[in-house]
Amino acid sequence: SDLRTSTKLRRSFEMWLSQIKQIQSLGGSTKRDQRELVLEYVEDYNTSTLPHEKYYNYDEWEAKDYEQKKQQSLGEKKSCQADE
């Protein structure tokens, strides 16, 4: 897969760029800077050294995180109702 064609990888790269590198957009970057950032991400991706699992497939991680929080919230509501 490739960052230019894979929506999954593109989104994961954009989130890594935003959260790890604090870069909101590549628009103001030179082609050389953009290439270096992409190469850094791809190298970390391929060597499994990204700082968190969410940067491999952000959409999947986000869906799992949402479900966990939803289940947690439901558990808390049930616990509060049992206490009443």
C-alpha atoms as a PDB file:
ATOM      1  CA  SER A   1       0.000   0.000   0.000  1.00  0.00           C
ATOM      2  CA  ASP A   2       0.984   3.573  -0.506  1.00  0.00           C
ATOM      3  CA  LEU A   3       0.228   6.829   1.312  1.00  0.00           C
ATOM      4  CA  ARG A   4      -1.078   8.452  -1.870  1.00  0.00           C
ATOM      5  CA  THR A   5      -3.691   5.779  -2.556  1.00  0.00           C
ATOM      6  CA  SER A   6      -4.530   4.202   0.802  1.00  0.00           C
ATOM      7  CA  THR A   7      -7.103   6.162   2.788  1.00  0.00           C
ATOM      8  CA  LYS A   8      -6.250   4.101   5.887  1.00  0.00           C
ATOM      9  CA  LEU A   9      -2.548   4.934   5.674  1.00  0.00           C
ATOM     10  CA  ARG A  10      -3.168   8.558   4.729  1.00  0.00           C
ATOM     11  CA  ARG A  11      -5.379   9.147   7.781  1.00  0.00           C
ATOM     12  CA  SER A  12      -2.918   7.363  10.077  1.00  0.00           C
ATOM     13  CA  PHE A  13      -0.037   9.435   8.670  1.00  0.00           C
ATOM     14  CA  GLU A  14      -2.007  12.667   9.108  1.00  0.00           C
ATOM     15  CA  MET A  15      -2.793  11.833  12.736  1.00  0.00           C
ATOM     16  CA  TRP A  16       0.871  10.936  13.402  1.00  0.00           C
ATOM     17  CA  LEU A  17       1.909  14.187  11.752  1.00  0.00           C
ATOM     18  CA  SER A  18      -0.533  16.186  13.867  1.00  0.00           C
ATOM     19  CA  GLN A  19      -0.095  14.452  17.220  1.00  0.00           C
ATOM     20  CA  ILE A  20       3.583  13.502  17.152  1.00  0.00           C
ATOM     21  CA  LYS A  21       5.145  16.170  14.952  1.00  0.00           C
ATOM     22  CA  GLN A  22       2.620  18.930  15.819  1.00  0.00           C
ATOM     23  CA  ILE A  23       2.216  19.707  12.092  1.00  0.00           C
ATOM     24  CA  GLN A  24      -1.389  20.358  11.086  1.00  0.00           C
ATOM     25  CA  SER A  25      -0.799  20.510   7.332  1.00  0.00           C
ATOM     26  CA  LEU A  26       2.008  19.856   4.887  1.00  0.00           C
ATOM     27  CA  GLY A  27       0.833  22.807   2.779  1.00  0.00           C
ATOM     28  CA  GLY A  28       3.561  25.191   3.943  1.00  0.00           C
ATOM     29  CA  SER A  29       6.333  22.584   3.808  1.00  0.00           C
ATOM     30  CA  THR A  30       8.851  22.193   1.022  1.00  0.00           C
ATOM     31  CA  LYS A  31       8.745  19.044  -1.098  1.00  0.00           C
ATOM     32  CA  ARG A  32      11.980  17.948   0.572  1.00  0.00           C
ATOM     33  CA  ASP A  33      10.509  18.388   4.082  1.00  0.00           C
ATOM     34  CA  GLN A  34       7.348  16.527   3.056  1.00  0.00           C
ATOM     35  CA  ARG A  35       9.398  13.667   1.639  1.00  0.00           C
ATOM     36  CA  GLU A  36      11.500  13.421   4.813  1.00  0.00           C
ATOM     37  CA  LEU A  37       8.390  13.264   7.011  1.00  0.00           C
ATOM     38  CA  VAL A  38       6.815  10.596   4.810  1.00  0.00           C
ATOM     39  CA  LEU A  39      10.040   8.565   4.824  1.00  0.00           C
ATOM     40  CA  GLU A  40      10.273   8.824   8.611  1.00  0.00           C
ATOM     41  CA  TYR A  41       6.687   7.628   9.032  1.00  0.00           C
ATOM     42  CA  VAL A  42       7.094   4.805   6.511  1.00  0.00           C
ATOM     43  CA  GLU A  43      10.322   3.612   8.139  1.00  0.00           C
ATOM     44  CA  ASP A  44       8.724   3.572  11.597  1.00  0.00           C
ATOM     45  CA  TYR A  45       5.611   1.902  10.167  1.00  0.00           C
ATOM     46  CA  ASN A  46       7.632  -0.803   8.418  1.00  0.00           C
ATOM     47  CA  THR A  47       9.857  -1.479  11.431  1.00  0.00           C
ATOM     48  CA  SER A  48       6.910  -1.433  13.859  1.00  0.00           C
ATOM     49  CA  THR A  49       8.402   1.418  15.874  1.00  0.00           C
ATOM     50  CA  LEU A  50       5.596   3.964  15.744  1.00  0.00           C
ATOM     51  CA  PRO A  51       4.958   5.395  19.236  1.00  0.00           C
ATOM     52  CA  HIS A  52       1.434   3.950  19.522  1.00  0.00           C
ATOM     53  CA  GLU A  53      -0.633   1.266  17.806  1.00  0.00           C
ATOM     54  CA  LYS A  54      -3.176   3.863  16.657  1.00  0.00           C
ATOM     55  CA  TYR A  55      -0.748   5.196  14.032  1.00  0.00           C
ATOM     56  CA  TYR A  56      -0.887   1.926  12.074  1.00  0.00           C
ATOM     57  CA  ASN A  57      -4.637   2.114  11.427  1.00  0.00           C
ATOM     58  CA  TYR A  58      -6.108   5.183  13.088  1.00  0.00           C
ATOM     59  CA  ASP A  59      -9.711   4.615  12.010  1.00  0.00           C
ATOM     60  CA  GLU A  60      -9.735   1.078  13.408  1.00  0.00           C
ATOM     61  CA  TRP A  61      -8.123   2.207  16.667  1.00  0.00           C
ATOM     62  CA  GLU A  62     -10.593   5.088  16.976  1.00  0.00           C
ATOM     63  CA  ALA A  63     -13.565   2.729  16.515  1.00  0.00           C
ATOM     64  CA  LYS A  64     -12.208   0.328  19.165  1.00  0.00           C
ATOM     65  CA  ASP A  65     -11.525   3.210  21.554  1.00  0.00           C
ATOM     66  CA  TYR A  66     -15.060   4.536  21.057  1.00  0.00           C
ATOM     67  CA  GLU A  67     -16.561   1.096  21.752  1.00  0.00           C
ATOM     68  CA  GLN A  68     -14.464   0.673  24.900  1.00  0.00           C
ATOM     69  CA  LYS A  69     -15.521   4.075  26.212  1.00  0.00           C
ATOM     70  CA  LYS A  70     -19.158   3.319  25.377  1.00  0.00           C
ATOM     71  CA  GLN A  71     -18.989  -0.002  27.248  1.00  0.00           C
ATOM     72  CA  GLN A  72     -17.278   1.711  30.169  1.00  0.00           C
ATOM     73  CA  SER A  73     -20.006   4.352  30.269  1.00  0.00           C
ATOM     74  CA  LEU A  74     -22.751   1.721  30.179  1.00  0.00           C
ATOM     75  CA  GLY A  75     -21.030  -0.164  32.995  1.00  0.00           C
ATOM     76  CA  GLU A  76     -20.865   2.987  35.109  1.00  0.00           C
ATOM     77  CA  LYS A  77     -24.558   3.723  34.508  1.00  0.00           C
ATOM     78  CA  LYS A  78     -25.519   0.181  35.536  1.00  0.00           C
ATOM     79  CA  SER A  79     -23.354   0.476  38.638  1.00  0.00           C
ATOM     80  CA  CYS A  80     -24.999   3.782  39.619  1.00  0.00           C
ATOM     81  CA  GLN A  81     -28.482   2.342  39.093  1.00  0.00           C
ATOM     82  CA  ALA A  82     -27.637  -0.675  41.270  1.00  0.00           C
ATOM     83  CA  ASP A  83     -26.498   1.653  44.042  1.00  0.00           C
ATOM     84  CA  GLU A  84     -29.840   3.470  44.144  1.00  0.00           C
END
